[in-house]
Amino acid sequence: MTSGSNPYGNRSKITATQPTESVHLRTGQVAELAGVNIQTLRYYERRGLIAKPDRSPGGHRAYPPETVTLLGVIKAAQRLGFTLEEVAELLETGRRSHPSPDLQERAKAKMTEIDRKIADLTTIRDTLGQVIAARCTSLMHCTCPDCPLPYAELTERNADAADPHPAPVVLT
C-alpha cells in the first residue's frame, strides 16, 4: 500500500469536517486542527479550560471533536482582549443552563479598557511625531528649542528632590 492510498489518510491533513476512524482525536490532531501547540493544549487542560480527555486503551489522550471548536472559541476570546482567567470565567458562565448578562457586561468593560489604551497610544504617537518634527536628539540633554519631551525638566526636579543639601532659598 502506498502512502497516498492509506485508508486512514494523512494525519497532518485531517480536518474537523473529515470523518475519522473513531469519534476521538489524539493530542497532535487536536493541536493542529485548532492551530495551537501541544503544550498549549495541555496547559488549557491543566487550567480547566478544556475537559480532561478520556484515554485510549493504549493510554493516549482521546479528545472529542468538540474540543477543536472550544479551542477556537478560547483563541477568539483572547484575540478580543480577554485574559485566560476571564475566558475561563466566561466559559463557566456559558456552561450554566440559564443565560447571563455576564458576557455583555465584560464586553462593555473590555471596550472601555481598549478605548483607554487607544487614547494612551494616540498620545504616545502624537508625542513621537512631535519628537520627530522637533528633531530631538537626546532624552536627557535635548537641545531642540521646543522639546516635547519633559525628561530633562523631570530629571532636574528629581535631582533637586534627591539632593540632601539643596541650595538655600533666598527670600527677598
Protein backbone atom coordinates (compact mmCIF):
# COMPACT_ATOMS: atom_id res chain seq x y z
CA MET A 1 0.00 0.00 0.00
CA THR A 2 1.46 3.41 -0.91
CA SER A 3 1.31 6.42 1.39
CA GLY A 4 -1.27 8.01 -0.91
CA SER A 5 -3.59 5.01 -0.53
CA ASN A 6 -3.55 4.89 3.26
CA PRO A 7 -7.20 4.21 4.22
CA TYR A 8 -6.79 6.42 7.29
CA GLY A 9 -5.49 9.36 5.27
CA ASN A 10 -2.58 11.55 6.13
CA ARG A 11 -2.86 12.57 9.80
CA SER A 12 -1.42 16.00 9.06
CA LYS A 13 -4.20 16.62 6.54
CA ILE A 14 -7.14 15.78 8.80
CA THR A 15 -9.77 18.49 9.11
CA ALA A 16 -12.63 18.99 11.51
CA THR A 17 -15.13 18.06 8.79
CA GLN A 18 -13.38 14.86 7.71
CA PRO A 19 -14.65 11.68 9.29
CA THR A 20 -12.16 9.84 11.44
CA GLU A 21 -11.99 6.18 12.32
CA SER A 22 -13.03 6.96 15.90
CA VAL A 23 -15.06 9.70 17.49
CA HIS A 24 -11.98 10.93 19.31
CA LEU A 25 -8.88 12.81 18.22
CA ARG A 26 -5.36 12.44 19.52
CA THR A 27 -3.42 15.32 21.03
CA GLY A 28 -1.46 16.17 17.88
CA GLN A 29 -4.59 16.15 15.74
CA VAL A 30 -6.47 18.49 18.08
CA ALA A 31 -3.49 20.85 18.35
CA GLU A 32 -3.05 21.01 14.58
CA LEU A 33 -6.74 21.49 13.83
CA ALA A 34 -7.04 24.23 16.46
CA GLY A 35 -3.80 25.95 15.45
CA VAL A 36 -2.18 25.63 18.87
CA ASN A 37 0.83 23.69 20.02
CA ILE A 38 0.59 20.58 22.18
CA GLN A 39 1.95 22.40 25.25
CA THR A 40 -0.85 24.98 24.94
CA LEU A 41 -3.42 22.20 24.71
CA ARG A 42 -2.10 20.55 27.86
CA TYR A 43 -1.85 23.90 29.65
CA TYR A 44 -5.50 24.65 28.89
CA GLU A 45 -6.35 21.20 30.18
CA ARG A 46 -4.48 21.85 33.45
CA ARG A 47 -6.21 25.24 33.82
CA GLY A 48 -9.61 23.60 33.34
CA LEU A 49 -10.42 25.48 30.13
CA ILE A 50 -10.92 22.17 28.36
CA ALA A 51 -12.02 18.94 29.98
CA LYS A 52 -9.51 16.22 30.72
CA PRO A 53 -9.91 13.76 27.88
CA ASP A 54 -10.59 10.07 28.13
CA ARG A 55 -7.68 7.76 27.46
CA SER A 56 -7.42 5.24 24.66
CA PRO A 57 -6.63 1.62 25.53
CA GLY A 58 -3.02 2.49 24.68
CA GLY A 59 -3.03 5.39 27.18
CA HIS A 60 -3.21 8.19 24.63
CA ARG A 61 -5.43 11.19 25.25
CA ALA A 62 -8.66 10.85 23.25
CA TYR A 63 -10.35 14.23 22.77
CA PRO A 64 -13.88 14.64 21.48
CA PRO A 65 -14.02 16.63 18.21
CA GLU A 66 -15.82 19.49 20.01
CA THR A 67 -12.51 20.28 21.70
CA VAL A 68 -11.29 21.83 18.45
CA THR A 69 -14.29 24.18 18.42
CA LEU A 70 -13.78 25.06 22.09
CA LEU A 71 -10.11 25.89 21.44
CA GLY A 72 -11.20 28.14 18.58
CA VAL A 73 -13.58 29.96 20.94
CA ILE A 74 -10.79 30.38 23.52
CA LYS A 75 -8.37 31.78 20.94
CA ALA A 76 -11.05 34.13 19.52
CA ALA A 77 -11.81 35.45 23.02
CA GLN A 78 -8.10 36.05 23.58
CA ARG A 79 -7.89 37.99 20.31
CA LEU A 80 -10.72 40.16 21.63
CA GLY A 81 -8.50 41.04 24.59
CA PHE A 82 -9.83 38.70 27.25
CA THR A 83 -7.27 37.11 29.57
CA LEU A 84 -7.29 33.35 30.09
CA GLU A 85 -8.77 33.92 33.54
CA GLU A 86 -11.59 35.97 32.02
CA VAL A 87 -12.11 33.32 29.32
CA ALA A 88 -12.34 30.62 31.98
CA GLU A 89 -14.96 32.61 33.87
CA LEU A 90 -16.94 33.28 30.70
CA LEU A 91 -16.82 29.61 29.74
CA GLU A 92 -18.04 28.63 33.19
CA THR A 93 -20.87 31.15 32.94
CA GLY A 94 -21.75 29.83 29.48
CA ARG A 95 -21.89 26.24 30.75
CA ARG A 96 -24.74 27.14 33.10
CA SER A 97 -28.16 26.30 31.81
CA HIS A 98 -29.57 29.82 32.24
CA PRO A 99 -28.43 32.85 30.26
CA SER A 100 -26.37 35.51 31.98
CA PRO A 101 -25.62 39.13 31.05
CA ASP A 102 -22.02 38.45 32.07
CA LEU A 103 -20.61 38.42 28.52
CA GLN A 104 -22.35 41.70 27.69
CA GLU A 105 -21.01 43.37 30.83
CA ARG A 106 -17.49 42.07 30.27
CA ALA A 107 -17.53 43.04 26.59
CA LYS A 108 -18.54 46.59 27.52
CA ALA A 109 -15.79 46.76 30.17
CA LYS A 110 -13.27 45.39 27.65
CA MET A 111 -14.31 48.06 25.12
CA THR A 112 -13.78 50.76 27.76
CA GLU A 113 -10.35 49.32 28.53
CA ILE A 114 -9.47 49.24 24.82
CA ASP A 115 -10.67 52.83 24.37
CA ARG A 116 -8.31 53.88 27.21
CA LYS A 117 -5.43 52.02 25.57
CA ILE A 118 -6.20 53.63 22.21
CA ALA A 119 -6.19 57.08 23.85
CA ASP A 120 -2.85 56.30 25.52
CA LEU A 121 -1.38 55.02 22.25
CA THR A 122 -2.68 58.09 20.40
CA THR A 123 -0.94 60.34 22.94
CA ILE A 124 2.27 58.34 22.56
CA ARG A 125 2.04 58.51 18.75
CA ASP A 126 1.41 62.26 18.81
CA THR A 127 4.37 62.83 21.15
CA LEU A 128 6.64 60.72 18.96
CA GLY A 129 5.52 62.80 15.96
CA GLN A 130 6.47 65.94 17.90
CA VAL A 131 9.88 64.43 18.74
CA ILE A 132 10.49 63.73 15.07
CA ALA A 133 9.26 67.17 13.97
CA ALA A 134 11.41 68.93 16.61
CA ARG A 135 14.43 66.83 15.61
CA CYS A 136 15.15 65.83 19.22
CA THR A 137 18.48 64.08 19.65
CA SER A 138 18.61 63.10 23.31
CA LEU A 139 16.24 62.07 26.05
CA MET A 140 18.27 63.76 28.80
CA HIS A 141 20.05 66.66 27.09
CA CYS A 142 17.93 67.64 24.14
CA THR A 143 18.91 70.97 22.60
CA CYS A 144 15.94 71.47 20.32
CA PRO A 145 14.11 74.75 21.10
CA ASP A 146 10.64 73.32 21.77
CA CYS A 147 11.45 69.83 23.01
CA PRO A 148 8.22 67.89 23.59
CA LEU A 149 9.98 65.53 25.99
CA PRO A 150 9.82 66.60 29.63
CA TYR A 151 12.67 64.29 30.67
CA ALA A 152 15.26 66.99 31.28
CA GLU A 153 12.79 69.01 33.37
CA LEU A 154 11.77 65.91 35.33
CA THR A 155 15.39 64.93 35.84
CA GLU A 156 16.23 68.35 37.26
CA ARG A 157 13.23 68.19 39.62
CA ASN A 158 14.18 64.67 40.73
CA ALA A 159 17.81 65.68 41.25
CA ASP A 160 16.71 68.65 43.38
CA ALA A 161 14.44 66.42 45.43
CA ALA A 162 17.20 63.86 45.96
CA ASP A 163 19.86 66.43 46.94
CA PRO A 164 20.35 66.15 50.74
CA HIS A 165 21.86 69.67 50.78
CA PRO A 166 19.78 71.79 48.43
CA ALA A 167 20.87 75.31 47.72
CA PRO A 168 19.40 77.77 50.23
CA VAL A 169 16.35 79.68 49.11
CA VAL A 170 16.85 83.40 49.32
CA LEU A 171 13.74 85.38 50.14
CA THR A 172 13.62 88.96 49.10
